[in-house]
């Protein structure tokens, strides 16, 4: 996990989840609205990608709705074989926790 700060206030965050063998998942890249457009997300991603534990991994993945251009700057691209990937998704899981 890495963070971006303005003084003592955290204004950005990103994390990489990895098995440290072959795979890592970039997640939760977020910068507060007033601090966007200053390159903070790029700096967060660059810091994560420089981590020694992440060097030499075969696959790095992420999911994005609208950040494709940002991630392409770091070599991410659309899935070469999307038919190989599957997911298990339950949008109600957080609702059940509140019950």
N, C-alpha and C. Protein backbone atom coordinates (compact mmCIF):
# COMPACT_ATOMS: atom_id res chain seq x y z
N UNK A 1 0.84 -1.18 0.00
CA UNK A 1 0.00 0.00 0.00
C UNK A 1 0.88 1.24 0.00
N UNK A 2 0.45 2.24 -0.73
CA UNK A 2 1.13 3.53 -0.73
C UNK A 2 0.07 4.61 -0.59
N UNK A 3 0.49 5.74 -0.05
CA UNK A 3 -0.42 6.86 0.13
C UNK A 3 0.20 8.15 -0.35
N UNK A 4 -0.65 9.11 -0.67
CA UNK A 4 -0.22 10.46 -1.01
C UNK A 4 -0.79 11.39 0.05
N UNK A 5 0.03 12.32 0.50
CA UNK A 5 -0.37 13.20 1.59
C UNK A 5 -0.16 14.66 1.23
N UNK A 6 -1.05 15.49 1.73
CA UNK A 6 -0.91 16.93 1.67
C UNK A 6 -0.81 17.36 3.13
N UNK A 7 0.42 17.61 3.58
CA UNK A 7 0.64 17.81 5.00
C UNK A 7 0.36 16.50 5.72
N UNK A 8 -0.47 16.55 6.74
CA UNK A 8 -0.82 15.34 7.49
C UNK A 8 -2.06 14.64 6.94
N UNK A 9 -2.71 15.24 5.94
CA UNK A 9 -3.96 14.68 5.40
C UNK A 9 -3.68 13.74 4.24
N UNK A 10 -4.23 12.53 4.32
CA UNK A 10 -4.09 11.59 3.21
C UNK A 10 -5.06 11.99 2.11
N UNK A 11 -4.51 12.15 0.88
CA UNK A 11 -5.32 12.57 -0.26
C UNK A 11 -5.34 11.54 -1.38
N UNK A 12 -4.54 10.47 -1.24
CA UNK A 12 -4.51 9.43 -2.26
C UNK A 12 -4.06 8.11 -1.68
N UNK A 13 -4.40 7.03 -2.39
CA UNK A 13 -4.09 5.69 -1.91
C UNK A 13 -4.05 4.74 -3.10
N UNK A 14 -3.21 3.72 -3.01
CA UNK A 14 -3.20 2.62 -3.99
C UNK A 14 -2.60 1.40 -3.31
N UNK A 15 -2.99 0.22 -3.77
CA UNK A 15 -2.41 -1.00 -3.21
C UNK A 15 -2.28 -2.06 -4.28
N UNK A 16 -1.36 -2.99 -4.02
CA UNK A 16 -1.13 -4.12 -4.91
C UNK A 16 -1.26 -5.37 -4.05
N UNK A 17 -2.10 -6.30 -4.48
CA UNK A 17 -2.28 -7.57 -3.80
C UNK A 17 -1.54 -8.61 -4.62
N UNK A 18 -0.64 -9.37 -3.98
CA UNK A 18 0.20 -10.29 -4.75
C UNK A 18 0.47 -11.59 -4.02
N UNK A 19 0.74 -12.62 -4.79
CA UNK A 19 1.21 -13.88 -4.21
C UNK A 19 2.73 -13.92 -4.16
N UNK A 20 3.38 -12.89 -4.66
CA UNK A 20 4.84 -12.74 -4.69
C UNK A 20 5.55 -13.83 -5.48
N UNK A 21 4.79 -14.55 -6.30
CA UNK A 21 5.39 -15.60 -7.13
C UNK A 21 5.15 -15.34 -8.61
N UNK A 22 3.88 -15.15 -8.99
CA UNK A 22 3.58 -14.97 -10.41
C UNK A 22 2.57 -13.86 -10.71
N UNK A 23 1.85 -13.38 -9.71
CA UNK A 23 0.67 -12.55 -9.98
C UNK A 23 0.54 -11.40 -9.00
N UNK A 24 0.04 -10.27 -9.49
CA UNK A 24 -0.32 -9.15 -8.62
C UNK A 24 -1.55 -8.45 -9.20
N UNK A 25 -2.34 -7.88 -8.31
CA UNK A 25 -3.57 -7.18 -8.69
C UNK A 25 -3.50 -5.76 -8.14
N UNK A 26 -3.53 -4.79 -9.04
CA UNK A 26 -3.52 -3.38 -8.66
C UNK A 26 -4.95 -2.98 -8.30
N UNK A 27 -5.12 -2.42 -7.12
CA UNK A 27 -6.47 -2.12 -6.63
C UNK A 27 -6.52 -0.79 -5.90
N UNK A 28 -7.71 -0.25 -5.84
CA UNK A 28 -8.02 0.89 -4.98
C UNK A 28 -7.15 2.12 -5.24
N UNK A 29 -6.85 2.40 -6.49
CA UNK A 29 -6.13 3.64 -6.82
C UNK A 29 -7.14 4.77 -6.72
N UNK A 30 -6.90 5.69 -5.79
CA UNK A 30 -7.87 6.75 -5.55
C UNK A 30 -7.17 8.02 -5.10
N UNK A 31 -7.59 9.13 -5.67
CA UNK A 31 -7.11 10.45 -5.27
C UNK A 31 -8.34 11.32 -5.02
N UNK A 32 -8.35 12.03 -3.90
CA UNK A 32 -9.48 12.91 -3.59
C UNK A 32 -9.65 13.95 -4.70
N UNK A 33 -10.89 14.27 -5.00
CA UNK A 33 -11.23 15.16 -6.12
C UNK A 33 -10.41 16.46 -6.17
N UNK A 34 -10.27 17.20 -5.07
CA UNK A 34 -9.53 18.47 -5.16
C UNK A 34 -8.05 18.30 -5.52
N UNK A 35 -7.52 17.10 -5.43
CA UNK A 35 -6.10 16.85 -5.67
C UNK A 35 -5.85 16.12 -6.99
N UNK A 36 -6.89 15.90 -7.76
CA UNK A 36 -6.74 15.21 -9.05
C UNK A 36 -6.14 16.14 -10.10
N UNK A 37 -5.56 15.53 -11.13
CA UNK A 37 -4.98 16.30 -12.22
C UNK A 37 -3.58 16.80 -11.93
N UNK A 38 -2.96 16.32 -10.87
CA UNK A 38 -1.61 16.75 -10.49
C UNK A 38 -0.59 15.62 -10.61
N UNK A 39 -1.01 14.49 -11.17
CA UNK A 39 -0.10 13.37 -11.34
C UNK A 39 0.06 12.47 -10.13
N UNK A 40 -0.78 12.65 -9.12
CA UNK A 40 -0.65 11.83 -7.91
C UNK A 40 -0.91 10.36 -8.17
N UNK A 41 -1.93 10.04 -8.96
CA UNK A 41 -2.22 8.64 -9.26
C UNK A 41 -1.03 8.00 -9.97
N UNK A 42 -0.43 8.73 -10.90
CA UNK A 42 0.75 8.20 -11.60
C UNK A 42 1.89 7.94 -10.63
N UNK A 43 2.09 8.84 -9.69
CA UNK A 43 3.17 8.66 -8.72
C UNK A 43 2.90 7.48 -7.80
N UNK A 44 1.64 7.29 -7.42
CA UNK A 44 1.28 6.14 -6.58
C UNK A 44 1.55 4.83 -7.32
N UNK A 45 1.12 4.76 -8.57
CA UNK A 45 1.32 3.54 -9.37
C UNK A 45 2.80 3.29 -9.59
N UNK A 46 3.54 4.34 -9.91
CA UNK A 46 4.99 4.20 -10.14
C UNK A 46 5.68 3.67 -8.88
N UNK A 47 5.27 4.16 -7.72
CA UNK A 47 5.87 3.69 -6.45
C UNK A 47 5.57 2.20 -6.23
N UNK A 48 4.35 1.79 -6.49
CA UNK A 48 4.01 0.37 -6.33
C UNK A 48 4.79 -0.50 -7.30
N UNK A 49 4.87 -0.09 -8.55
CA UNK A 49 5.56 -0.90 -9.56
C UNK A 49 7.05 -1.01 -9.29
N UNK A 50 7.60 -0.10 -8.50
CA UNK A 50 9.02 -0.15 -8.16
C UNK A 50 9.32 -1.07 -6.98
N UNK A 51 8.29 -1.55 -6.30
CA UNK A 51 8.50 -2.41 -5.13
C UNK A 51 9.27 -3.67 -5.50
N UNK A 52 10.32 -4.00 -4.76
CA UNK A 52 11.14 -5.18 -5.07
C UNK A 52 10.34 -6.49 -5.16
N UNK A 53 9.34 -6.67 -4.30
CA UNK A 53 8.55 -7.91 -4.31
C UNK A 53 7.73 -8.08 -5.59
N UNK A 54 7.56 -7.02 -6.35
CA UNK A 54 6.73 -7.09 -7.55
C UNK A 54 7.53 -7.25 -8.83
N UNK A 55 8.85 -7.31 -8.70
CA UNK A 55 9.68 -7.45 -9.89
C UNK A 55 9.68 -8.91 -10.35
N UNK A 56 9.58 -9.11 -11.64
CA UNK A 56 9.65 -10.46 -12.20
C UNK A 56 8.35 -11.24 -12.17
N UNK A 57 7.25 -10.61 -11.78
CA UNK A 57 5.97 -11.31 -11.80
C UNK A 57 5.49 -11.46 -13.24
N UNK A 58 4.87 -12.56 -13.53
CA UNK A 58 4.40 -12.83 -14.89
C UNK A 58 3.17 -12.00 -15.26
N UNK A 59 2.30 -11.74 -14.31
CA UNK A 59 1.05 -11.06 -14.66
C UNK A 59 0.67 -10.04 -13.59
N UNK A 60 0.36 -8.84 -14.05
CA UNK A 60 -0.22 -7.79 -13.22
C UNK A 60 -1.58 -7.48 -13.84
N UNK A 61 -2.59 -7.37 -13.01
CA UNK A 61 -3.94 -7.12 -13.51
C UNK A 61 -4.61 -6.01 -12.73
N UNK A 62 -5.66 -5.48 -13.31
CA UNK A 62 -6.49 -4.49 -12.64
C UNK A 62 -7.85 -4.46 -13.32
N UNK A 63 -8.78 -3.82 -12.68
CA UNK A 63 -10.10 -3.58 -13.26
C UNK A 63 -10.33 -2.08 -13.19
N UNK A 64 -10.78 -1.49 -14.29
CA UNK A 64 -11.07 -0.06 -14.30
C UNK A 64 -12.30 0.23 -15.14
N UNK A 65 -13.03 1.22 -14.73
CA UNK A 65 -14.19 1.66 -15.49
C UNK A 65 -13.79 2.78 -16.45
N UNK A 66 -12.91 3.68 -15.98
CA UNK A 66 -12.62 4.87 -16.77
C UNK A 66 -11.15 5.30 -16.77
N UNK A 67 -10.25 4.48 -16.28
CA UNK A 67 -8.85 4.87 -16.19
C UNK A 67 -7.92 4.22 -17.20
N UNK A 68 -8.46 3.78 -18.31
CA UNK A 68 -7.66 3.03 -19.29
C UNK A 68 -6.42 3.80 -19.74
N UNK A 69 -6.57 5.07 -20.06
CA UNK A 69 -5.40 5.84 -20.54
C UNK A 69 -4.32 5.94 -19.47
N UNK A 70 -4.71 6.12 -18.24
CA UNK A 70 -3.73 6.17 -17.15
C UNK A 70 -2.94 4.88 -17.07
N UNK A 71 -3.61 3.75 -17.05
CA UNK A 71 -2.93 2.47 -16.87
C UNK A 71 -2.14 2.05 -18.11
N UNK A 72 -2.57 2.48 -19.28
CA UNK A 72 -1.81 2.17 -20.49
C UNK A 72 -0.42 2.81 -20.45
N UNK A 73 -0.29 3.92 -19.76
CA UNK A 73 1.03 4.57 -19.61
C UNK A 73 2.02 3.66 -18.89
N UNK A 74 1.52 2.70 -18.15
CA UNK A 74 2.36 1.79 -17.39
C UNK A 74 2.40 0.39 -18.00
N UNK A 75 1.95 0.27 -19.24
CA UNK A 75 2.05 -1.00 -19.96
C UNK A 75 0.84 -1.91 -19.85
N UNK A 76 -0.19 -1.50 -19.13
CA UNK A 76 -1.39 -2.33 -19.04
C UNK A 76 -2.15 -2.24 -20.35
N UNK A 77 -2.78 -3.33 -20.72
CA UNK A 77 -3.57 -3.38 -21.96
C UNK A 77 -4.77 -4.29 -21.75
N UNK A 78 -5.70 -4.25 -22.70
CA UNK A 78 -6.88 -5.12 -22.62
C UNK A 78 -6.44 -6.57 -22.58
N UNK A 79 -7.25 -7.42 -21.99
CA UNK A 79 -6.94 -8.85 -21.89
C UNK A 79 -6.73 -9.45 -23.27
N UNK A 80 -5.65 -10.20 -23.41
CA UNK A 80 -5.35 -10.86 -24.69
C UNK A 80 -6.31 -12.02 -24.93
N UNK A 81 -6.73 -12.68 -23.85
CA UNK A 81 -7.63 -13.83 -23.97
C UNK A 81 -8.72 -13.74 -22.90
N UNK A 82 -9.66 -12.81 -23.05
CA UNK A 82 -10.67 -12.64 -22.00
C UNK A 82 -11.53 -13.88 -21.76
N UNK A 83 -11.61 -14.75 -22.76
CA UNK A 83 -12.42 -15.96 -22.59
C UNK A 83 -11.83 -16.91 -21.56
N UNK A 84 -10.59 -16.70 -21.15
CA UNK A 84 -9.95 -17.55 -20.14
C UNK A 84 -10.26 -17.11 -18.71
N UNK A 85 -10.79 -15.93 -18.56
CA UNK A 85 -11.00 -15.36 -17.24
C UNK A 85 -12.44 -15.53 -16.80
N UNK A 86 -12.60 -15.76 -15.52
CA UNK A 86 -13.93 -15.91 -14.95
C UNK A 86 -13.97 -15.11 -13.65
N UNK A 87 -15.15 -14.86 -13.18
CA UNK A 87 -15.29 -14.18 -11.91
C UNK A 87 -16.50 -14.73 -11.17
N UNK A 88 -16.46 -14.55 -9.88
CA UNK A 88 -17.61 -14.85 -9.04
C UNK A 88 -17.97 -13.52 -8.39
N UNK A 89 -19.15 -13.02 -8.67
CA UNK A 89 -19.53 -11.68 -8.24
C UNK A 89 -20.86 -11.72 -7.52
N UNK A 90 -20.89 -11.19 -6.32
CA UNK A 90 -22.13 -11.11 -5.55
C UNK A 90 -22.29 -9.67 -5.07
N UNK A 91 -23.05 -8.86 -5.79
CA UNK A 91 -23.20 -7.46 -5.40
C UNK A 91 -23.95 -7.27 -4.08
N UNK A 92 -24.57 -8.31 -3.58
CA UNK A 92 -25.33 -8.22 -2.33
C UNK A 92 -24.48 -8.50 -1.10
N UNK A 93 -23.24 -8.89 -1.26
CA UNK A 93 -22.44 -9.34 -0.13
C UNK A 93 -22.33 -8.26 0.96
N UNK A 94 -22.20 -7.01 0.60
CA UNK A 94 -22.08 -5.95 1.60
C UNK A 94 -23.42 -5.64 2.25
N UNK A 95 -24.49 -5.85 1.53
CA UNK A 95 -25.82 -5.65 2.12
C UNK A 95 -26.08 -6.69 3.20
N UNK A 96 -25.65 -7.92 2.98
CA UNK A 96 -25.84 -8.99 3.96
C UNK A 96 -25.09 -8.70 5.25
N UNK A 97 -23.95 -8.05 5.16
CA UNK A 97 -23.15 -7.74 6.35
C UNK A 97 -23.86 -6.74 7.24
N UNK A 98 -24.69 -5.88 6.66
CA UNK A 98 -25.41 -4.87 7.44
C UNK A 98 -26.69 -5.40 8.07
N UNK A 99 -27.13 -6.56 7.66
CA UNK A 99 -28.42 -7.09 8.14
C UNK A 99 -28.36 -7.53 9.58
